[in-house]
Amino acid sequence: MKLALAQINTKLGDVEANLEKHLSLIKDARAQDADLILFPELSLTGYTLQDLTPSVSHRPVDDDPIFRPLLEASREIDMVVGFVDEDTRHRFYIANAYLSQGEVVHVHHKVYLPTYGLFDEGRFFAWGDSIRAFDTRFGRVGMLICEDFWHASPPYLLWLDGADILLLTSASPGRGLNNDERLESARWVEHVNRAYANVFTCFVAHSNRVGYEDGLNFWGGATVFDPNGALLARGPYHEEALTIATLDLNQLHRTRVRLPLLRDERTRLVQSELNRILSK
């Protein structure tokens, strides 16, 4: 499969302008024969929303004015878009939607909301309460949003639930200087992504936004790692880009024959020990 990683600079609170950028990049990805395009966290809204949160929420349904053209475009190419979802009880979630063949295949609500340092998500958003893999025309996939991936349990649960491709989206601010071109936050994120690709013998694709917003700098640097932990593609730092990577899905077979970590995973043992720990 051919994957397009769209690291974009969004306009805070301007959903219509961000939609136009999505549709333009979707067209570019289709012209390069991409099968799936992955947008960053909150790609339709911007990140530092705070009190804007209720005014930019949209439901991923046919009659929503923002999702209607995206669903129509998904008849030609699968896509992951980031948005603010509102449930029937009027709680708001940082969300990703996977769209394909004119339908919403899966919606993931961010389960870990950082509310420390420069982050304040817990004041404005509700916590997601499920982590599920889902089937696509390319195989079984799992989606996570930024902080979800920095905890060990979400990618582990997706791995056990059958995901062979992990799609990570983020709005990761740049922090920490190094001797090379990468900020410390970029170096750390890439290290974690590669480690998960190795440990779970799966594909790990990451799309991060770029640009400045409310004093924060987002560094871009989209990456794809294969089940051996090999880097397949990397987007540039600090600029918008559409990075194309080809995933040889047969690599899953080759890697797992050599390294049968999934076969030997003792999930009953994990369940037993978790029950013991939680009962204390």
Protein backbone atom coordinates (compact mmCIF):
# COMPACT_ATOMS: atom_id res chain seq x y z
CA MET A 1 0.00 0.00 0.00
CA LYS A 2 1.10 3.57 -0.61
CA LEU A 3 0.72 5.94 2.36
CA ALA A 4 0.72 9.75 2.26
CA LEU A 5 1.69 11.63 5.43
CA ALA A 6 0.25 15.15 5.41
CA GLN A 7 2.07 17.36 7.91
CA ILE A 8 0.18 20.64 7.73
CA ASN A 9 -0.10 24.02 9.40
CA THR A 10 -3.70 24.54 10.47
CA LYS A 11 -5.60 27.79 11.07
CA LEU A 12 -6.83 27.90 14.64
CA GLY A 13 -10.62 27.67 14.74
CA ASP A 14 -11.07 28.10 10.96
CA VAL A 15 -12.55 24.73 10.05
CA GLU A 16 -13.60 25.76 6.55
CA ALA A 17 -10.08 26.93 5.61
CA ASN A 18 -8.58 23.77 7.06
CA LEU A 19 -11.08 21.68 5.10
CA GLU A 20 -9.96 23.32 1.86
CA LYS A 21 -6.34 22.45 2.68
CA HIS A 22 -7.39 18.84 3.36
CA LEU A 23 -9.19 18.56 0.04
CA SER A 24 -6.22 20.06 -1.83
CA LEU A 25 -3.75 17.62 -0.25
CA ILE A 26 -6.14 14.71 -0.82
CA LYS A 27 -6.11 15.63 -4.51
CA ASP A 28 -2.30 15.74 -4.49
CA ALA A 29 -2.09 12.37 -2.75
CA ARG A 30 -4.47 10.80 -5.27
CA ALA A 31 -2.33 12.16 -8.10
CA GLN A 32 0.58 10.21 -6.60
CA ASP A 33 -1.51 7.01 -6.39
CA ALA A 34 -1.65 7.03 -2.60
CA ASP A 35 -4.09 4.58 -1.00
CA LEU A 36 -4.33 6.33 2.39
CA ILE A 37 -3.60 9.86 3.61
CA LEU A 38 -2.87 10.52 7.29
CA PHE A 39 -3.50 14.01 8.71
CA PRO A 40 -2.26 15.23 12.13
CA GLU A 41 -4.10 15.58 15.43
CA LEU A 42 -6.95 18.13 15.31
CA SER A 43 -6.10 18.80 11.68
CA LEU A 44 -9.51 20.34 10.98
CA THR A 45 -9.52 22.74 13.93
CA GLY A 46 -6.08 23.65 15.23
CA TYR A 47 -4.72 22.60 18.62
CA THR A 48 -4.90 25.35 21.29
CA LEU A 49 -8.68 25.66 21.10
CA GLN A 50 -9.61 26.20 24.73
CA ASP A 51 -12.92 28.15 24.76
CA LEU A 52 -13.29 27.69 20.99
CA THR A 53 -13.83 23.96 21.49
CA PRO A 54 -17.68 23.87 21.33
CA SER A 55 -17.83 26.10 18.26
CA VAL A 56 -15.57 23.90 16.08
CA SER A 57 -17.02 20.46 16.85
CA HIS A 58 -18.46 18.39 14.01
CA ARG A 59 -20.03 14.95 13.79
CA PRO A 60 -18.57 12.46 11.27
CA VAL A 61 -21.86 11.89 9.42
CA ASP A 62 -23.15 12.38 5.87
CA ASP A 63 -25.19 15.50 6.58
CA ASP A 64 -22.38 17.38 8.36
CA PRO A 65 -21.13 20.20 6.08
CA ILE A 66 -17.48 19.49 6.88
CA PHE A 67 -17.56 15.70 6.70
CA ARG A 68 -19.78 15.49 3.61
CA PRO A 69 -16.99 16.47 1.15
CA LEU A 70 -14.44 14.38 3.06
CA LEU A 71 -16.66 11.30 2.90
CA GLU A 72 -17.17 11.89 -0.80
CA ALA A 73 -13.41 12.18 -1.34
CA SER A 74 -12.87 8.95 0.63
CA ARG A 75 -14.48 7.03 -2.26
CA GLU A 76 -11.14 7.52 -4.05
CA ILE A 77 -8.67 7.37 -1.16
CA ASP A 78 -8.84 6.31 2.50
CA MET A 79 -8.06 9.01 5.04
CA VAL A 80 -7.55 9.78 8.72
CA VAL A 81 -8.62 13.27 9.81
CA GLY A 82 -8.39 14.93 13.22
CA PHE A 83 -11.37 16.81 14.64
CA VAL A 84 -13.39 17.71 17.75
CA ASP A 85 -16.21 15.22 18.30
CA GLU A 86 -19.30 15.95 20.43
CA ASP A 87 -21.37 13.13 21.88
CA THR A 88 -25.10 13.08 22.62
CA ARG A 89 -24.45 14.27 26.19
CA HIS A 90 -22.48 17.28 24.84
CA ARG A 91 -19.05 16.14 25.89
CA PHE A 92 -16.18 17.05 23.59
CA TYR A 93 -13.37 14.74 22.51
CA ILE A 94 -10.09 15.04 20.62
CA ALA A 95 -10.83 12.53 17.87
CA ASN A 96 -9.60 10.82 14.72
CA ALA A 97 -11.94 9.46 12.05
CA TYR A 98 -10.94 6.81 9.51
CA LEU A 99 -12.94 7.34 6.32
CA SER A 100 -13.13 4.88 3.41
CA GLN A 101 -15.43 4.23 0.46
CA GLY A 102 -17.77 7.03 1.55
CA GLU A 103 -18.21 5.65 5.07
CA VAL A 104 -16.91 6.26 8.58
CA VAL A 105 -15.03 3.06 9.41
CA HIS A 106 -13.86 3.98 12.91
CA VAL A 107 -13.62 6.92 15.34
CA HIS A 108 -11.02 7.05 18.10
CA HIS A 109 -11.32 9.39 21.09
CA LYS A 110 -8.02 10.35 22.71
CA VAL A 111 -7.73 8.44 25.98
CA TYR A 112 -4.76 10.23 27.58
CA LEU A 113 -5.17 14.00 27.88
CA PRO A 114 -1.93 15.72 28.98
CA THR A 115 -2.65 18.38 31.58
CA TYR A 116 0.85 19.25 32.74
CA GLY A 117 3.64 21.59 31.66
CA LEU A 118 2.41 23.54 28.64
CA PHE A 119 -0.58 21.20 28.08
CA ASP A 120 -4.11 21.92 29.30
CA GLU A 121 -6.31 19.39 27.48
CA GLY A 122 -8.10 18.03 30.55
CA ARG A 123 -9.82 21.37 31.15
CA PHE A 124 -11.66 21.33 27.82
CA PHE A 125 -12.00 17.72 26.67
CA ALA A 126 -13.44 14.45 27.99
CA TRP A 127 -11.34 11.29 28.16
CA GLY A 128 -11.94 8.55 25.61
CA ASP A 129 -12.67 5.16 27.14
CA SER A 130 -11.91 2.56 24.46
CA ILE A 131 -8.95 1.34 22.42
CA ARG A 132 -10.00 -0.82 19.46
CA ALA A 133 -8.38 -2.08 16.27
CA PHE A 134 -10.55 -2.16 13.15
CA ASP A 135 -10.57 -3.76 9.72
CA THR A 136 -9.69 -1.88 6.53
CA ARG A 137 -9.07 -2.93 2.93
CA PHE A 138 -5.34 -3.03 3.81
CA GLY A 139 -5.69 -5.19 6.91
CA ARG A 140 -6.33 -4.51 10.55
CA VAL A 141 -5.38 -1.03 11.77
CA GLY A 142 -5.19 0.88 15.04
CA MET A 143 -5.24 4.65 15.59
CA LEU A 144 -3.82 6.60 18.52
CA ILE A 145 -3.48 10.31 19.21
CA CYS A 146 -0.25 11.82 20.57
CA GLU A 147 -0.14 11.16 24.35
CA ASP A 148 -1.92 7.82 23.80
CA PHE A 149 1.24 6.53 22.15
CA TRP A 150 3.64 7.61 24.90
CA HIS A 151 1.97 5.15 27.28
CA ALA A 152 2.79 1.47 26.82
CA SER A 153 -0.73 0.07 27.18
CA PRO A 154 -2.58 1.57 24.13
CA PRO A 155 -0.25 0.25 21.40
CA TYR A 156 0.01 -3.05 23.30
CA LEU A 157 -3.79 -3.39 23.38
CA LEU A 158 -4.04 -2.60 19.66
CA TRP A 159 -1.36 -5.21 18.93
CA LEU A 160 -3.30 -7.83 20.87
CA ASP A 161 -6.50 -6.74 19.10
CA GLY A 162 -4.96 -7.60 15.75
CA ALA A 163 -3.58 -4.28 14.46
CA ASP A 164 -0.66 -4.72 12.05
CA ILE A 165 -0.52 -1.02 11.10
CA LEU A 166 -0.44 1.61 13.86
CA LEU A 167 -1.43 5.11 12.74
CA LEU A 168 -0.26 7.86 15.09
CA THR A 169 -1.29 11.49 14.81
CA SER A 170 -0.01 14.35 16.91
CA ALA A 171 0.29 18.05 17.50
CA SER A 172 3.65 17.73 19.19
CA PRO A 173 5.35 21.01 20.18
CA GLY A 174 9.07 21.42 19.73
CA ARG A 175 11.16 21.38 22.92
CA GLY A 176 14.84 20.95 23.71
CA LEU A 177 17.88 21.73 21.55
CA ASN A 178 20.33 19.14 20.23
CA ASN A 179 23.57 19.19 18.28
CA ASP A 180 21.75 18.02 15.15
CA GLU A 181 18.74 19.37 13.27
CA ARG A 182 16.25 17.53 15.47
CA LEU A 183 14.74 19.05 18.56
CA GLU A 184 14.87 16.84 21.64
CA SER A 185 11.11 16.22 21.44
CA ALA A 186 11.48 15.04 17.82
CA ARG A 187 14.39 12.73 18.72
CA TRP A 188 12.40 11.19 21.59
CA VAL A 189 9.23 10.68 19.54
CA GLU A 190 11.12 8.99 16.69
CA HIS A 191 12.91 6.77 19.19
CA VAL A 192 9.59 5.63 20.71
CA ASN A 193 8.01 5.05 17.29
CA ARG A 194 10.90 2.89 16.14
CA ALA A 195 10.87 0.95 19.42
CA TYR A 196 7.16 0.10 19.09
CA ALA A 197 7.65 -0.99 15.47
CA ASN A 198 10.37 -3.36 16.70
CA VAL A 199 8.60 -4.66 19.80
CA PHE A 200 5.24 -5.20 18.12
CA THR A 201 6.71 -6.23 14.72
CA CYS A 202 4.26 -3.93 12.93
CA PHE A 203 4.19 -0.80 10.79
CA VAL A 204 4.15 2.50 12.71
CA ALA A 205 3.19 5.65 10.77
CA HIS A 206 3.21 9.09 12.40
CA SER A 207 1.93 12.44 11.09
CA ASN A 208 2.72 15.56 13.15
CA ARG A 209 1.59 19.11 12.43
CA VAL A 210 3.86 22.07 11.69
CA GLY A 211 3.79 25.82 12.22
CA TYR A 212 3.27 28.19 15.12
CA GLU A 213 0.14 28.55 17.23
CA ASP A 214 -0.36 30.50 20.46
CA GLY A 215 3.39 30.53 21.11
CA LEU A 216 3.91 26.83 20.37
CA ASN A 217 6.15 25.53 17.56
CA PHE A 218 5.12 22.24 15.91
CA TRP A 219 8.01 20.46 14.21
CA GLY A 220 6.49 18.13 11.59
CA GLY A 221 8.94 15.32 10.81
CA ALA A 222 6.43 12.61 9.78
CA THR A 223 7.86 9.08 9.81
CA VAL A 224 7.04 5.49 8.85
CA PHE A 225 8.86 2.49 10.35
CA ASP A 226 8.48 -1.09 9.14
CA PRO A 227 8.19 -4.22 11.36
CA ASN A 228 11.99 -4.46 11.54
CA GLY A 229 12.19 -0.91 12.87
CA ALA A 230 13.65 0.32 9.58
CA LEU A 231 12.82 3.90 8.61
CA LEU A 232 10.84 3.90 5.35
CA ALA A 233 10.26 7.65 5.04
CA ARG A 234 10.70 10.89 6.94
CA GLY A 235 9.12 14.26 6.24
CA PRO A 236 11.08 17.50 6.65
CA TYR A 237 11.17 19.44 9.90
CA HIS A 238 9.38 22.79 10.33
CA GLU A 239 7.62 22.95 6.96
CA GLU A 240 4.47 21.65 5.36
CA ALA A 241 4.93 18.52 3.26
CA LEU A 242 3.21 15.51 1.77
CA THR A 243 5.52 12.54 2.30
CA ILE A 244 4.85 9.32 0.38
CA ALA A 245 5.88 5.89 1.67
CA THR A 246 5.29 2.45 0.20
CA LEU A 247 4.49 -0.29 2.73
CA ASP A 248 5.30 -3.86 1.70
CA LEU A 249 2.70 -5.67 3.80
CA ASN A 250 4.48 -8.99 3.18
CA GLN A 251 7.18 -7.68 5.55
CA LEU A 252 4.86 -8.64 8.40
CA HIS A 253 5.24 -12.31 7.39
CA ARG A 254 8.99 -12.13 6.93
CA THR A 255 9.62 -10.38 10.25
CA ARG A 256 7.31 -12.56 12.34
CA VAL A 257 8.78 -15.77 10.95
CA ARG A 258 12.16 -14.55 12.12
CA LEU A 259 10.96 -12.98 15.37
CA PRO A 260 7.73 -14.63 16.68
CA LEU A 261 7.08 -12.20 19.54
CA LEU A 262 3.36 -12.10 18.78
CA ARG A 263 3.10 -15.89 18.72
CA ASP A 264 4.79 -16.20 22.11
CA GLU A 265 3.00 -13.36 23.91
CA ARG A 266 1.41 -14.76 27.09
CA THR A 267 -1.79 -12.73 27.39
CA ARG A 268 -3.31 -14.97 30.07
CA LEU A 269 -0.26 -14.32 32.23
CA VAL A 270 -0.66 -10.58 31.67
CA GLN A 271 -4.35 -10.79 32.63
CA SER A 272 -3.56 -12.78 35.78
CA GLU A 273 -0.85 -10.41 36.94
CA LEU A 274 -2.97 -7.33 36.21
CA ASN A 275 -5.80 -8.79 38.27
CA ARG A 276 -3.34 -9.39 41.11
CA ILE A 277 -1.96 -5.83 40.93
CA LEU A 278 -5.39 -4.21 40.70
CA SER A 279 -6.73 -6.20 43.63
CA LYS A 280 -4.21 -4.69 46.04
